[in-house]
Amino acid sequence: MKRAMTIAGSDSGGGAGIQADLKTFQELKVFGMSALTAVTAQNTLGVQAVFPMEVEAVAEQIQSVGEDIGVDALKTGMLFNAEIIETVAEKIKYFAWEKVVVDPVMIAKGGASLLQQEAVSALKDHLLPLCLVVTPNIPEAEVLTGMTILSHDDKKEAARRIHALGAKNVVIKGGHDLNTNESVDLLFNGADFEFFSVPRIETKNTHGTGCTFSAAITAQLAKGLTVYDAVSVAKEFIHAAIGNSLNIGQGHGPTNHWAFNREKGRLATWHG
């Protein structure tokens, strides 16, 4: 049995955070474990409150899992502050974990900040150099690079800059692309670019898409897939989850984590 761990915040509404990650791990048939970094009071309308964990609590959770059960791959999500980021990085180095996926969670769908400003530097300095894959959306990539992204060429340049920060593979997600009928993700491994494209689905029910996508990559890496193949499966997984909305809540509803195993999507890729 392959083991995947999520180090992230809790979403009381169940659509994002560790709840989305564990659902994704279960659907992709890996054993899921978690280290909680924060508790949020959250629903489809937004984030009402954030209660970060003590750094010692985060460290002890990771230590407990690492020294007994073990980890084949892990992902980070909402880390909230610089102290937690540095602690997570120290534990990754302590256990010499290599299959690390960083989802640089910064802003919730409702606009609430999920990463303190001073933590951005800690993310770049301490965590990105340790990760196998980083999965920013376009606004997050703009923060990490200090540039505006308006085109595929901009995505390529942003990917180069993020790769230069130490991330071995960069996936810039296409959910925030404007004026396009497709959702196009870019994967850059330091040498080659790959684009993953699916038809864009018009829906407000996209809560937790980033968490779910990065968790799907993590699950596939835990099972031994290459980064390219892991991203391919994750793209199909999230496309199916978005395309089969649950219509829960009054705002940005969650994705459907059951959908992938019921209805496989088609994925278009090309080199560039």
Protein backbone atom coordinates (compact mmCIF):
# COMPACT_ATOMS: atom_id res chain seq x y z
CA MET A 1 0.00 0.00 0.00
CA LYS A 2 1.44 3.35 -1.05
CA ARG A 3 1.30 6.21 1.44
CA ALA A 4 0.64 9.89 0.76
CA MET A 5 0.68 12.71 3.29
CA THR A 6 -0.88 16.16 3.22
CA ILE A 7 0.48 19.02 5.32
CA ALA A 8 -2.25 21.62 5.07
CA GLY A 9 -5.15 23.43 6.70
CA SER A 10 -8.58 22.11 7.55
CA ASP A 11 -11.63 23.32 5.62
CA SER A 12 -14.72 23.00 7.79
CA GLY A 13 -16.84 23.01 4.61
CA GLY A 14 -15.06 19.90 3.32
CA GLY A 15 -14.29 21.19 -0.16
CA ALA A 16 -10.63 22.12 0.13
CA GLY A 17 -7.64 21.60 2.42
CA ILE A 18 -6.90 18.30 4.06
CA GLN A 19 -10.48 17.14 3.52
CA ALA A 20 -10.14 17.46 -0.27
CA ASP A 21 -6.67 15.93 -0.17
CA LEU A 22 -7.73 12.85 1.78
CA LYS A 23 -10.77 12.32 -0.46
CA THR A 24 -8.50 12.49 -3.49
CA PHE A 25 -5.98 10.07 -1.98
CA GLN A 26 -8.79 7.63 -1.24
CA GLU A 27 -10.18 7.83 -4.77
CA LEU A 28 -6.73 7.24 -6.26
CA LYS A 29 -6.11 4.28 -3.96
CA VAL A 30 -3.28 5.46 -1.75
CA PHE A 31 -3.31 5.55 2.05
CA GLY A 32 -3.74 9.14 3.17
CA MET A 33 -2.21 10.80 6.24
CA SER A 34 -2.23 14.40 7.41
CA ALA A 35 -0.51 17.06 9.47
CA LEU A 36 -2.78 19.96 10.27
CA THR A 37 -1.33 23.47 9.98
CA ALA A 38 -4.44 25.53 10.67
CA VAL A 39 -8.15 25.26 11.33
CA THR A 40 -10.39 27.43 9.21
CA ALA A 41 -14.02 28.35 9.68
CA GLN A 42 -14.91 28.13 6.02
CA ASN A 43 -17.78 27.42 3.64
CA THR A 44 -18.63 27.99 -0.01
CA LEU A 45 -19.08 31.72 0.66
CA GLY A 46 -15.58 32.27 1.99
CA VAL A 47 -13.22 31.99 4.95
CA GLN A 48 -14.69 33.42 8.14
CA ALA A 49 -11.73 32.75 10.44
CA VAL A 50 -8.27 31.14 10.50
CA PHE A 51 -6.69 29.56 13.59
CA PRO A 52 -3.08 28.53 12.91
CA MET A 53 -1.59 25.61 14.80
CA GLU A 54 1.38 26.02 17.09
CA VAL A 55 4.60 25.23 15.26
CA GLU A 56 5.42 22.44 17.71
CA ALA A 57 2.08 20.78 16.94
CA VAL A 58 2.83 20.80 13.21
CA ALA A 59 6.32 19.39 13.77
CA GLU A 60 5.07 16.62 16.07
CA GLN A 61 2.38 15.50 13.63
CA ILE A 62 4.92 15.17 10.82
CA GLN A 63 7.43 13.42 13.08
CA SER A 64 4.81 10.97 14.31
CA VAL A 65 3.85 9.89 10.79
CA GLY A 66 7.38 9.87 9.43
CA GLU A 67 8.98 7.74 12.11
CA ASP A 68 6.29 5.04 12.09
CA ILE A 69 4.14 4.77 8.96
CA GLY A 70 6.45 6.38 6.43
CA VAL A 71 5.69 8.55 3.42
CA ASP A 72 5.98 7.70 -0.29
CA ALA A 73 4.97 11.20 -1.39
CA LEU A 74 3.67 14.32 0.32
CA LYS A 75 2.06 17.61 -0.54
CA THR A 76 1.88 20.92 1.23
CA GLY A 77 -1.09 23.22 1.05
CA MET A 78 -2.01 26.10 3.34
CA LEU A 79 1.03 26.74 5.56
CA PHE A 80 -0.01 30.24 6.66
CA ASN A 81 3.19 31.69 8.12
CA ALA A 82 6.97 31.66 7.76
CA GLU A 83 7.59 29.74 10.97
CA ILE A 84 5.40 26.83 9.86
CA ILE A 85 7.00 26.83 6.41
CA GLU A 86 10.51 26.65 7.88
CA THR A 87 9.46 23.85 10.23
CA VAL A 88 7.93 21.82 7.40
CA ALA A 89 11.10 22.29 5.34
CA GLU A 90 13.23 21.08 8.25
CA LYS A 91 11.15 17.91 8.59
CA ILE A 92 11.31 17.21 4.85
CA LYS A 93 15.09 17.42 5.04
CA TYR A 94 15.23 15.35 8.23
CA PHE A 95 13.36 12.45 6.62
CA ALA A 96 15.04 13.03 3.21
CA TRP A 97 11.67 12.99 1.44
CA GLU A 98 12.05 13.65 -2.27
CA LYS A 99 8.56 13.32 -3.74
CA VAL A 100 7.30 16.66 -2.46
CA VAL A 101 4.49 18.60 -4.13
CA VAL A 102 4.05 22.23 -3.09
CA ASP A 103 0.70 23.88 -3.69
CA PRO A 104 1.54 27.51 -2.79
CA VAL A 105 -1.87 28.35 -1.35
CA MET A 106 -2.16 32.11 -0.97
CA ILE A 107 -5.72 33.34 -1.54
CA ALA A 108 -9.05 31.58 -0.97
CA LYS A 109 -11.81 31.69 -3.59
CA GLY A 110 -13.61 34.33 -1.53
CA GLY A 111 -10.52 36.54 -1.40
CA ALA A 112 -9.27 35.78 2.13
CA SER A 113 -5.49 35.66 2.55
CA LEU A 114 -4.24 32.18 3.47
CA LEU A 115 -0.53 33.03 3.48
CA GLN A 116 0.98 35.92 5.39
CA GLN A 117 3.00 38.31 3.25
CA GLU A 118 6.31 37.62 5.00
CA ALA A 119 5.76 33.91 4.42
CA VAL A 120 6.18 34.29 0.64
CA SER A 121 9.93 34.76 1.06
CA ALA A 122 10.11 31.72 3.34
CA LEU A 123 8.25 29.67 0.76
CA LYS A 124 10.71 30.69 -1.95
CA ASP A 125 13.81 30.32 0.19
CA HIS A 126 13.08 27.17 2.20
CA LEU A 127 10.40 25.07 0.52
CA LEU A 128 10.68 25.47 -3.25
CA PRO A 129 14.27 24.18 -3.34
CA LEU A 130 13.04 20.94 -1.74
CA CYS A 131 10.08 20.24 -3.99
CA LEU A 132 9.75 17.90 -6.93
CA VAL A 133 6.65 19.73 -8.22
CA VAL A 134 5.15 23.14 -7.49
CA THR A 135 1.63 23.93 -8.69
CA PRO A 136 0.84 27.67 -8.63
CA ASN A 137 -2.20 29.13 -10.34
CA ILE A 138 -1.61 32.28 -12.37
CA PRO A 139 -2.08 34.80 -9.51
CA GLU A 140 0.24 32.74 -7.31
CA ALA A 141 2.82 32.48 -10.10
CA GLU A 142 2.66 36.26 -10.48
CA VAL A 143 3.42 36.71 -6.78
CA LEU A 144 6.31 34.23 -6.91
CA THR A 145 7.85 35.84 -10.01
CA GLY A 146 6.86 39.50 -9.74
CA MET A 147 5.60 39.48 -13.33
CA THR A 148 2.22 39.71 -15.06
CA ILE A 149 1.04 36.62 -16.92
CA LEU A 150 -1.23 37.22 -19.90
CA SER A 151 -0.17 34.59 -22.45
CA HIS A 152 1.37 31.15 -22.90
CA ASP A 153 4.72 32.82 -23.49
CA ASP A 154 4.33 34.62 -20.16
CA LYS A 155 3.59 31.29 -18.53
CA LYS A 156 6.80 29.90 -19.96
CA GLU A 157 8.85 32.78 -18.61
CA ALA A 158 7.18 32.51 -15.20
CA ALA A 159 7.91 28.78 -15.16
CA ARG A 160 11.56 29.47 -15.92
CA ARG A 161 11.76 31.95 -13.06
CA ILE A 162 10.08 29.60 -10.57
CA HIS A 163 12.31 26.74 -11.69
CA ALA A 164 15.29 28.98 -11.01
CA LEU A 165 14.12 29.22 -7.39
CA GLY A 166 14.84 25.50 -7.02
CA ALA A 167 11.62 23.68 -7.93
CA LYS A 168 12.48 20.71 -10.15
CA ASN A 169 9.15 20.79 -12.00
CA VAL A 170 6.74 23.71 -12.33
CA VAL A 171 3.05 23.34 -13.20
CA ILE A 172 1.34 26.67 -13.86
CA LYS A 173 -2.38 26.01 -13.84
CA GLY A 174 -4.71 27.49 -16.43
CA GLY A 175 -7.86 28.01 -14.44
CA HIS A 176 -7.37 31.79 -14.42
CA ASP A 177 -6.64 32.09 -18.16
CA LEU A 178 -8.72 34.80 -19.80
CA ASN A 179 -10.42 34.83 -23.21
CA THR A 180 -10.02 31.15 -23.90
CA ASN A 181 -12.35 28.19 -24.25
CA GLU A 182 -9.74 25.85 -22.82
CA SER A 183 -8.06 25.33 -19.48
CA VAL A 184 -4.37 24.94 -20.30
CA ASP A 185 -1.80 23.87 -17.72
CA LEU A 186 1.92 24.21 -18.38
CA LEU A 187 4.55 21.75 -17.10
CA PHE A 188 8.21 22.77 -17.19
CA ASN A 189 10.98 20.43 -16.05
CA GLY A 190 13.88 22.77 -16.63
CA ALA A 191 14.35 21.71 -20.23
CA ASP A 192 11.03 20.93 -21.90
CA PHE A 193 7.57 22.47 -21.88
CA GLU A 194 4.36 20.43 -22.01
CA PHE A 195 0.85 21.88 -22.27
CA PHE A 196 -2.17 19.97 -20.94
CA SER A 197 -5.48 21.17 -22.33
CA VAL A 198 -9.12 20.36 -21.65
CA PRO A 199 -12.30 22.26 -22.58
CA ARG A 200 -13.13 24.95 -20.05
CA ILE A 201 -16.21 24.22 -17.95
CA GLU A 202 -18.36 27.22 -17.06
CA THR A 203 -19.23 26.76 -13.41
CA LYS A 204 -18.91 28.55 -10.09
CA ASN A 205 -18.32 25.24 -8.32
CA THR A 206 -14.53 25.27 -8.23
CA HIS A 207 -13.82 25.36 -4.50
CA GLY A 208 -10.81 23.20 -3.69
CA THR A 209 -9.62 22.67 -7.26
CA GLY A 210 -5.99 23.52 -6.47
CA CYS A 211 -5.90 21.26 -3.42
CA THR A 212 -7.48 18.40 -5.32
CA PHE A 213 -5.19 18.77 -8.34
CA SER A 214 -2.01 18.78 -6.29
CA ALA A 215 -3.26 15.88 -4.16
CA ALA A 216 -3.90 13.85 -7.31
CA ILE A 217 -0.33 14.51 -8.48
CA THR A 218 0.94 13.44 -5.06
CA ALA A 219 -1.05 10.21 -5.11
CA GLN A 220 0.30 9.26 -8.52
CA LEU A 221 3.87 10.07 -7.53
CA ALA A 222 3.43 7.86 -4.45
CA LYS A 223 2.50 5.01 -6.80
CA GLY A 224 5.67 5.50 -8.81
CA LEU A 225 4.43 7.43 -11.84
CA THR A 226 6.63 9.97 -13.56
CA VAL A 227 5.87 13.65 -13.04
CA TYR A 228 4.47 13.91 -16.58
CA ASP A 229 2.13 10.96 -16.07
CA ALA A 230 1.13 12.14 -12.60
CA VAL A 231 0.16 15.56 -13.97
CA SER A 232 -1.75 13.91 -16.83
CA VAL A 233 -3.86 11.85 -14.42
CA ALA A 234 -4.36 14.83 -12.11
CA LYS A 235 -5.61 16.95 -14.99
CA GLU A 236 -8.18 14.31 -15.91
CA PHE A 237 -9.14 13.87 -12.25
CA ILE A 238 -9.84 17.57 -11.64
CA HIS A 239 -11.57 18.02 -15.00
CA ALA A 240 -14.00 15.23 -14.11
CA ALA A 241 -14.46 16.66 -10.61
CA ILE A 242 -15.32 20.12 -11.94
CA GLY A 243 -17.53 18.79 -14.73
CA ASN A 244 -19.80 16.87 -12.36
CA SER A 245 -20.70 19.56 -9.85
CA LEU A 246 -22.33 18.66 -6.55
CA ASN A 247 -24.17 22.00 -6.27
CA ILE A 248 -23.58 22.28 -2.55
CA GLY A 249 -23.74 25.63 -0.76
CA GLN A 250 -24.62 29.16 -1.83
CA GLY A 251 -21.24 30.24 -3.18
CA HIS A 252 -18.30 28.49 -4.85
CA GLY A 253 -19.32 24.87 -4.37
CA PRO A 254 -16.86 21.98 -4.03
CA THR A 255 -15.72 19.68 -6.80
CA ASN A 256 -16.92 16.09 -7.08
CA HIS A 257 -14.15 13.74 -5.96
CA TRP A 258 -16.11 10.64 -7.01
CA ALA A 259 -16.42 11.68 -10.64
CA PHE A 260 -13.06 10.51 -11.99
CA ASN A 261 -13.68 6.86 -11.22
CA ARG A 262 -17.12 7.07 -12.80
CA GLU A 263 -16.42 9.10 -15.89
CA LYS A 264 -12.93 9.31 -17.37
CA GLY A 265 -12.17 12.52 -19.30
CA ARG A 266 -10.11 13.04 -22.41
CA LEU A 267 -6.86 14.91 -22.17
CA ALA A 268 -5.08 16.75 -24.98
CA THR A 269 -1.35 17.41 -24.68
CA TRP A 270 1.21 19.02 -26.88
CA HIS A 271 4.88 19.90 -26.77
CA GLY A 272 6.00 23.51 -26.88
